[in-house]
Amino acid sequence: MTRFDAQELLRQLQTEVNDVLLEVEELNTASEAILNRQPAAGSWSVAQVLEHLNTYNRYYIPLIVKAIAHAAPVSGTRTFKSGWLGDYFTKSMYSGVVTSGKVTNKMNAFKGHRPDAEQNATGVLNEFIRDQKLLLQLLADAAHVDLSSARIPISISAWIKISLGDAIRFLVAHQIRHQLQMRKAFAAAAGATAVVAGMLPSLV
């Protein structure tokens, strides 16, 4: 199990969410056609990646709101100790992303999280942006509670629960993982040859 300074962890998560939000906001001027264009047969478009992330946000964000409301206030130690299962899930999402900038462990999306090929790209984009802004507020609210004092069932089993802190960590790590996929999908759809300096190609 991994131990964190709770406030430092929340600041790190805020930075990661804000980085994703700023990147996705750049897509506002992209056409529906580009956002829905698959880079190859069977590969997800930008809109599909965002809709996949939206399905997780629809599940976890309301539970995070509820957990924060019922969590115990911060008292005494500011250390958050991750549970073994929550830590495993989170690290599996980050695998390779931080060290190499590549996803090193491929995973298949679970049923209910597999997006259709055609999406209302504008609606999907706006929903994701709205949820990122809400998630930033929730991270600020979480600074006032004990991240271990409330538990959340994971999306694939109501019987398995992880701590509030681990649920937030997992949700953000999952977004960072798919951020790379989104960049590649956009670069291919827009005809860009490379993603420069880790940012989406200019949409202007």
C-alpha atoms as a PDB file:
ATOM      1  CA  MET A   1       0.000   0.000   0.000  1.00  0.00           C
ATOM      2  CA  THR A   2       1.217   3.479  -0.877  1.00  0.00           C
ATOM      3  CA  ARG A   3       1.142   6.435   1.511  1.00  0.00           C
ATOM      4  CA  PHE A   4       0.620  10.029   0.355  1.00  0.00           C
ATOM      5  CA  ASP A   5       0.526  13.469   1.823  1.00  0.00           C
ATOM      6  CA  ALA A   6      -3.194  13.963   1.191  1.00  0.00           C
ATOM      7  CA  GLN A   7      -2.996  17.629   0.278  1.00  0.00           C
ATOM      8  CA  GLU A   8      -0.057  17.120  -2.063  1.00  0.00           C
ATOM      9  CA  LEU A   9      -1.883  14.231  -3.733  1.00  0.00           C
ATOM     10  CA  LEU A  10      -4.956  16.371  -4.328  1.00  0.00           C
ATOM     11  CA  ARG A  11      -2.830  19.184  -5.762  1.00  0.00           C
ATOM     12  CA  GLN A  12      -1.181  16.724  -8.155  1.00  0.00           C
ATOM     13  CA  LEU A  13      -4.571  15.394  -9.260  1.00  0.00           C
ATOM     14  CA  GLN A  14      -5.847  18.938  -9.797  1.00  0.00           C
ATOM     15  CA  THR A  15      -2.858  19.650 -12.035  1.00  0.00           C
ATOM     16  CA  GLU A  16      -3.487  16.513 -14.078  1.00  0.00           C
ATOM     17  CA  VAL A  17      -7.198  17.216 -14.479  1.00  0.00           C
ATOM     18  CA  ASN A  18      -6.523  20.814 -15.452  1.00  0.00           C
ATOM     19  CA  ASP A  19      -3.978  19.701 -18.073  1.00  0.00           C
ATOM     20  CA  VAL A  20      -6.523  17.329 -19.620  1.00  0.00           C
ATOM     21  CA  LEU A  21      -9.197  20.033 -19.530  1.00  0.00           C
ATOM     22  CA  LEU A  22      -6.996  22.587 -21.298  1.00  0.00           C
ATOM     23  CA  GLU A  23      -6.137  20.095 -24.033  1.00  0.00           C
ATOM     24  CA  VAL A  24      -9.727  19.094 -24.627  1.00  0.00           C
ATOM     25  CA  GLU A  25     -10.881  22.710 -24.706  1.00  0.00           C
ATOM     26  CA  GLU A  26      -8.586  23.161 -27.734  1.00  0.00           C
ATOM     27  CA  LEU A  27     -10.879  20.788 -29.618  1.00  0.00           C
ATOM     28  CA  ASN A  28     -13.794  23.242 -29.530  1.00  0.00           C
ATOM     29  CA  THR A  29     -12.958  24.534 -33.014  1.00  0.00           C
ATOM     30  CA  ALA A  30     -12.547  21.088 -34.574  1.00  0.00           C
ATOM     31  CA  SER A  31     -15.275  19.863 -36.896  1.00  0.00           C
ATOM     32  CA  GLU A  32     -17.667  17.028 -36.100  1.00  0.00           C
ATOM     33  CA  ALA A  33     -16.100  15.097 -38.987  1.00  0.00           C
ATOM     34  CA  ILE A  34     -12.600  15.300 -37.522  1.00  0.00           C
ATOM     35  CA  LEU A  35     -13.753  14.405 -34.026  1.00  0.00           C
ATOM     36  CA  ASN A  36     -15.675  11.385 -35.355  1.00  0.00           C
ATOM     37  CA  ARG A  37     -12.981  10.201 -37.766  1.00  0.00           C
ATOM     38  CA  GLN A  38     -11.408   6.893 -36.762  1.00  0.00           C
ATOM     39  CA  PRO A  39      -7.648   6.745 -37.427  1.00  0.00           C
ATOM     40  CA  ALA A  40      -8.040   3.137 -38.612  1.00  0.00           C
ATOM     41  CA  ALA A  41     -10.709   0.470 -38.746  1.00  0.00           C
ATOM     42  CA  GLY A  42     -11.561  -0.533 -35.203  1.00  0.00           C
ATOM     43  CA  SER A  43      -9.601   2.363 -33.649  1.00  0.00           C
ATOM     44  CA  TRP A  44     -11.469   4.918 -31.605  1.00  0.00           C
ATOM     45  CA  SER A  45     -12.015   8.466 -32.792  1.00  0.00           C
ATOM     46  CA  VAL A  46     -11.521  11.462 -30.492  1.00  0.00           C
ATOM     47  CA  ALA A  47     -15.271  11.537 -29.846  1.00  0.00           C
ATOM     48  CA  GLN A  48     -15.268   7.845 -28.942  1.00  0.00           C
ATOM     49  CA  VAL A  49     -12.383   8.314 -26.512  1.00  0.00           C
ATOM     50  CA  LEU A  50     -14.206  11.190 -24.839  1.00  0.00           C
ATOM     51  CA  GLU A  51     -17.487   9.273 -24.705  1.00  0.00           C
ATOM     52  CA  HIS A  52     -15.663   6.319 -23.127  1.00  0.00           C
ATOM     53  CA  LEU A  53     -14.351   8.692 -20.453  1.00  0.00           C
ATOM     54  CA  ASN A  54     -17.817  10.203 -20.054  1.00  0.00           C
ATOM     55  CA  THR A  55     -19.258   6.795 -19.205  1.00  0.00           C
ATOM     56  CA  TYR A  56     -16.862   6.560 -16.269  1.00  0.00           C
ATOM     57  CA  ASN A  57     -17.536  10.126 -15.188  1.00  0.00           C
ATOM     58  CA  ARG A  58     -21.287   9.471 -15.217  1.00  0.00           C
ATOM     59  CA  TYR A  59     -20.742   6.592 -12.833  1.00  0.00           C
ATOM     60  CA  TYR A  60     -18.018   7.858 -10.513  1.00  0.00           C
ATOM     61  CA  ILE A  61     -18.637  11.592 -10.180  1.00  0.00           C
ATOM     62  CA  PRO A  62     -22.074  11.307  -8.497  1.00  0.00           C
ATOM     63  CA  LEU A  63     -20.608   8.719  -6.112  1.00  0.00           C
ATOM     64  CA  ILE A  64     -17.641  10.982  -5.358  1.00  0.00           C
ATOM     65  CA  VAL A  65     -20.047  13.841  -4.607  1.00  0.00           C
ATOM     66  CA  LYS A  66     -21.976  11.601  -2.204  1.00  0.00           C
ATOM     67  CA  ALA A  67     -18.816  10.207  -0.598  1.00  0.00           C
ATOM     68  CA  ILE A  68     -17.382  13.668   0.067  1.00  0.00           C
ATOM     69  CA  ALA A  69     -20.674  14.728   1.648  1.00  0.00           C
ATOM     70  CA  HIS A  70     -20.588  11.748   4.026  1.00  0.00           C
ATOM     71  CA  ALA A  71     -16.838  11.517   4.654  1.00  0.00           C
ATOM     72  CA  ALA A  72     -15.364  12.405   8.025  1.00  0.00           C
ATOM     73  CA  PRO A  73     -13.684  15.811   8.240  1.00  0.00           C
ATOM     74  CA  VAL A  74      -9.910  15.933   8.250  1.00  0.00           C
ATOM     75  CA  SER A  75      -8.449  15.524  11.716  1.00  0.00           C
ATOM     76  CA  GLY A  76      -4.977  14.718  12.940  1.00  0.00           C
ATOM     77  CA  THR A  77      -2.743  13.152  10.305  1.00  0.00           C
ATOM     78  CA  ARG A  78      -2.955  14.403   6.725  1.00  0.00           C
ATOM     79  CA  THR A  79      -1.631  11.116   5.340  1.00  0.00           C
ATOM     80  CA  PHE A  80      -3.710   9.071   2.919  1.00  0.00           C
ATOM     81  CA  LYS A  81      -2.964   5.352   2.753  1.00  0.00           C
ATOM     82  CA  SER A  82      -4.080   3.749  -0.481  1.00  0.00           C
ATOM     83  CA  GLY A  83      -5.752   0.345  -0.307  1.00  0.00           C
ATOM     84  CA  TRP A  84      -4.025  -2.491  -2.152  1.00  0.00           C
ATOM     85  CA  LEU A  85      -6.826  -2.911  -4.686  1.00  0.00           C
ATOM     86  CA  GLY A  86      -7.310   0.793  -5.360  1.00  0.00           C
ATOM     87  CA  ASP A  87      -3.563   1.242  -5.685  1.00  0.00           C
ATOM     88  CA  TYR A  88      -3.361  -1.685  -8.113  1.00  0.00           C
ATOM     89  CA  PHE A  89      -6.158  -0.315 -10.306  1.00  0.00           C
ATOM     90  CA  THR A  90      -4.607   3.138 -10.386  1.00  0.00           C
ATOM     91  CA  LYS A  91      -1.092   1.945 -11.167  1.00  0.00           C
ATOM     92  CA  SER A  92      -2.420  -0.280 -13.947  1.00  0.00           C
ATOM     93  CA  MET A  93      -3.925   2.839 -15.567  1.00  0.00           C
ATOM     94  CA  TYR A  94      -0.680   4.821 -15.267  1.00  0.00           C
ATOM     95  CA  SER A  95       1.439   1.895 -16.506  1.00  0.00           C
ATOM     96  CA  GLY A  96       4.112   3.260 -18.824  1.00  0.00           C
ATOM     97  CA  VAL A  97       2.335   6.576 -19.347  1.00  0.00           C
ATOM     98  CA  VAL A  98       4.448   8.617 -16.953  1.00  0.00           C
ATOM     99  CA  THR A  99       7.816   6.965 -17.628  1.00  0.00           C
ATOM    100  CA  SER A 100       7.656   6.391 -21.394  1.00  0.00           C
ATOM    101  CA  GLY A 101       4.662   8.346 -22.647  1.00  0.00           C
ATOM    102  CA  LYS A 102       3.211   5.088 -23.976  1.00  0.00           C
ATOM    103  CA  VAL A 103       0.546   2.712 -22.729  1.00  0.00           C
ATOM    104  CA  THR A 104       2.390  -0.540 -22.049  1.00  0.00           C
ATOM    105  CA  ASN A 105      -0.527  -2.747 -20.984  1.00  0.00           C
ATOM    106  CA  LYS A 106      -3.421  -3.021 -23.400  1.00  0.00           C
ATOM    107  CA  MET A 107      -6.920  -3.468 -21.976  1.00  0.00           C
ATOM    108  CA  ASN A 108     -10.334  -4.122 -23.481  1.00  0.00           C
ATOM    109  CA  ALA A 109     -13.147  -1.774 -22.491  1.00  0.00           C
ATOM    110  CA  PHE A 110     -15.835  -3.340 -20.333  1.00  0.00           C
ATOM    111  CA  LYS A 111     -19.412  -3.668 -21.543  1.00  0.00           C
ATOM    112  CA  GLY A 112     -21.234  -0.371 -21.035  1.00  0.00           C
ATOM    113  CA  HIS A 113     -18.039   1.576 -21.650  1.00  0.00           C
ATOM    114  CA  ARG A 114     -17.665   0.762 -25.360  1.00  0.00           C
ATOM    115  CA  PRO A 115     -18.681   3.824 -27.403  1.00  0.00           C
ATOM    116  CA  ASP A 116     -20.579   3.639 -30.682  1.00  0.00           C
ATOM    117  CA  ALA A 117     -18.663   4.623 -33.799  1.00  0.00           C
ATOM    118  CA  GLU A 118     -20.837   7.687 -34.467  1.00  0.00           C
ATOM    119  CA  GLN A 119     -21.147  10.245 -31.685  1.00  0.00           C
ATOM    120  CA  ASN A 120     -22.677  13.666 -31.208  1.00  0.00           C
ATOM    121  CA  ALA A 121     -19.147  15.008 -30.965  1.00  0.00           C
ATOM    122  CA  THR A 122     -20.081  18.484 -29.747  1.00  0.00           C
ATOM    123  CA  GLY A 123     -22.318  17.088 -27.037  1.00  0.00           C
ATOM    124  CA  VAL A 124     -19.704  14.548 -25.954  1.00  0.00           C
ATOM    125  CA  LEU A 125     -17.018  17.245 -25.849  1.00  0.00           C
ATOM    126  CA  ASN A 126     -19.142  19.675 -23.841  1.00  0.00           C
ATOM    127  CA  GLU A 127     -20.134  16.979 -21.347  1.00  0.00           C
ATOM    128  CA  PHE A 128     -16.503  16.044 -20.771  1.00  0.00           C
ATOM    129  CA  ILE A 129     -15.452  19.676 -20.264  1.00  0.00           C
ATOM    130  CA  ARG A 130     -18.305  20.245 -17.821  1.00  0.00           C
ATOM    131  CA  ASP A 131     -17.361  17.169 -15.816  1.00  0.00           C
ATOM    132  CA  GLN A 132     -13.693  18.190 -15.652  1.00  0.00           C
ATOM    133  CA  LYS A 133     -14.667  21.526 -14.148  1.00  0.00           C
ATOM    134  CA  LEU A 134     -16.850  19.715 -11.630  1.00  0.00           C
ATOM    135  CA  LEU A 135     -14.040  17.288 -10.853  1.00  0.00           C
ATOM    136  CA  LEU A 136     -11.694  20.197 -10.120  1.00  0.00           C
ATOM    137  CA  GLN A 137     -14.235  21.540  -7.625  1.00  0.00           C
ATOM    138  CA  LEU A 138     -14.598  18.108  -6.039  1.00  0.00           C
ATOM    139  CA  LEU A 139     -10.836  17.863  -5.613  1.00  0.00           C
ATOM    140  CA  ALA A 140     -10.920  21.186  -3.790  1.00  0.00           C
ATOM    141  CA  ASP A 141     -13.786  19.945  -1.596  1.00  0.00           C
ATOM    142  CA  ALA A 142     -11.938  16.695  -0.899  1.00  0.00           C
ATOM    143  CA  ALA A 143      -9.149  18.664   0.806  1.00  0.00           C
ATOM    144  CA  HIS A 144     -11.447  19.068   3.804  1.00  0.00           C
ATOM    145  CA  VAL A 145     -12.278  15.393   4.363  1.00  0.00           C
ATOM    146  CA  ASP A 146     -10.541  12.151   5.281  1.00  0.00           C
ATOM    147  CA  LEU A 147      -9.997  10.385   1.945  1.00  0.00           C
ATOM    148  CA  SER A 148     -10.088   6.979   3.659  1.00  0.00           C
ATOM    149  CA  SER A 149     -13.338   7.469   5.566  1.00  0.00           C
ATOM    150  CA  ALA A 150     -15.775   6.806   2.705  1.00  0.00           C
ATOM    151  CA  ARG A 151     -15.851   3.972   0.201  1.00  0.00           C
ATOM    152  CA  ILE A 152     -17.142   3.729  -3.367  1.00  0.00           C
ATOM    153  CA  PRO A 153     -18.181   0.598  -5.319  1.00  0.00           C
ATOM    154  CA  ILE A 154     -16.200   0.111  -8.523  1.00  0.00           C
ATOM    155  CA  SER A 155     -18.051   0.289 -11.827  1.00  0.00           C
ATOM    156  CA  ILE A 156     -17.740  -3.412 -12.669  1.00  0.00           C
ATOM    157  CA  SER A 157     -18.940  -4.749  -9.309  1.00  0.00           C
ATOM    158  CA  ALA A 158     -21.142  -3.190  -6.642  1.00  0.00           C
ATOM    159  CA  TRP A 159     -19.675  -5.656  -4.147  1.00  0.00           C
ATOM    160  CA  ILE A 160     -16.105  -4.374  -4.465  1.00  0.00           C
ATOM    161  CA  LYS A 161     -15.412  -1.014  -2.871  1.00  0.00           C
ATOM    162  CA  ILE A 162     -12.365   1.233  -2.765  1.00  0.00           C
ATOM    163  CA  SER A 163     -11.716   4.350  -0.725  1.00  0.00           C
ATOM    164  CA  LEU A 164     -12.789   7.808  -1.846  1.00  0.00           C
ATOM    165  CA  GLY A 165      -9.142   8.732  -2.363  1.00  0.00           C
ATOM    166  CA  ASP A 166      -8.456   5.694  -4.521  1.00  0.00           C
ATOM    167  CA  ALA A 167     -11.625   6.227  -6.568  1.00  0.00           C
ATOM    168  CA  ILE A 168     -10.501   9.748  -7.423  1.00  0.00           C
ATOM    169  CA  ARG A 169      -6.965   8.552  -8.193  1.00  0.00           C
ATOM    170  CA  PHE A 170      -8.290   5.830 -10.489  1.00  0.00           C
ATOM    171  CA  LEU A 171     -10.649   8.169 -12.345  1.00  0.00           C
ATOM    172  CA  VAL A 172      -7.900  10.706 -13.037  1.00  0.00           C
ATOM    173  CA  ALA A 173      -5.341   8.028 -13.993  1.00  0.00           C
ATOM    174  CA  HIS A 174      -7.841   6.528 -16.435  1.00  0.00           C
ATOM    175  CA  GLN A 175      -8.186   9.920 -18.116  1.00  0.00           C
ATOM    176  CA  ILE A 176      -4.414  10.376 -18.368  1.00  0.00           C
ATOM    177  CA  ARG A 177      -4.170   6.952 -19.993  1.00  0.00           C
ATOM    178  CA  HIS A 178      -6.736   7.832 -22.671  1.00  0.00           C
ATOM    179  CA  GLN A 179      -5.323  11.330 -23.146  1.00  0.00           C
ATOM    180  CA  LEU A 180      -2.523   9.706 -25.152  1.00  0.00           C
ATOM    181  CA  GLN A 181      -5.032   7.798 -27.279  1.00  0.00           C
ATOM    182  CA  MET A 182      -6.996  10.993 -27.902  1.00  0.00           C
ATOM    183  CA  ARG A 183      -3.871  12.849 -29.041  1.00  0.00           C
ATOM    184  CA  LYS A 184      -2.999  10.135 -31.538  1.00  0.00           C
ATOM    185  CA  ALA A 185      -6.573   9.943 -32.839  1.00  0.00           C
ATOM    186  CA  PHE A 186      -6.708  13.693 -33.388  1.00  0.00           C
ATOM    187  CA  ALA A 187      -3.307  13.840 -35.035  1.00  0.00           C
ATOM    188  CA  ALA A 188      -4.340  11.107 -37.473  1.00  0.00           C
ATOM    189  CA  ALA A 189      -7.776  12.628 -38.140  1.00  0.00           C
ATOM    190  CA  ALA A 190      -6.425  16.132 -38.703  1.00  0.00           C
ATOM    191  CA  GLY A 191      -3.637  14.886 -40.962  1.00  0.00           C
ATOM    192  CA  ALA A 192      -0.934  16.004 -38.533  1.00  0.00           C
ATOM    193  CA  THR A 193       2.383  14.191 -38.716  1.00  0.00           C
ATOM    194  CA  ALA A 194       3.275  14.539 -35.062  1.00  0.00           C
ATOM    195  CA  VAL A 195       2.125  15.808 -31.714  1.00  0.00           C
ATOM    196  CA  VAL A 196       4.510  18.590 -30.759  1.00  0.00           C
ATOM    197  CA  ALA A 197       5.695  19.116 -27.199  1.00  0.00           C
ATOM    198  CA  GLY A 198       3.009  16.811 -25.821  1.00  0.00           C
ATOM    199  CA  MET A 199       0.162  19.080 -26.957  1.00  0.00           C
ATOM    200  CA  LEU A 200      -2.562  18.649 -29.525  1.00  0.00           C
ATOM    201  CA  PRO A 201      -1.736  20.110 -32.941  1.00  0.00           C
ATOM    202  CA  SER A 202      -2.968  23.667 -33.443  1.00  0.00           C
ATOM    203  CA  LEU A 203      -6.588  23.853 -34.499  1.00  0.00           C
ATOM    204  CA  VAL A 204      -6.293  27.360 -35.882  1.00  0.00           C
END
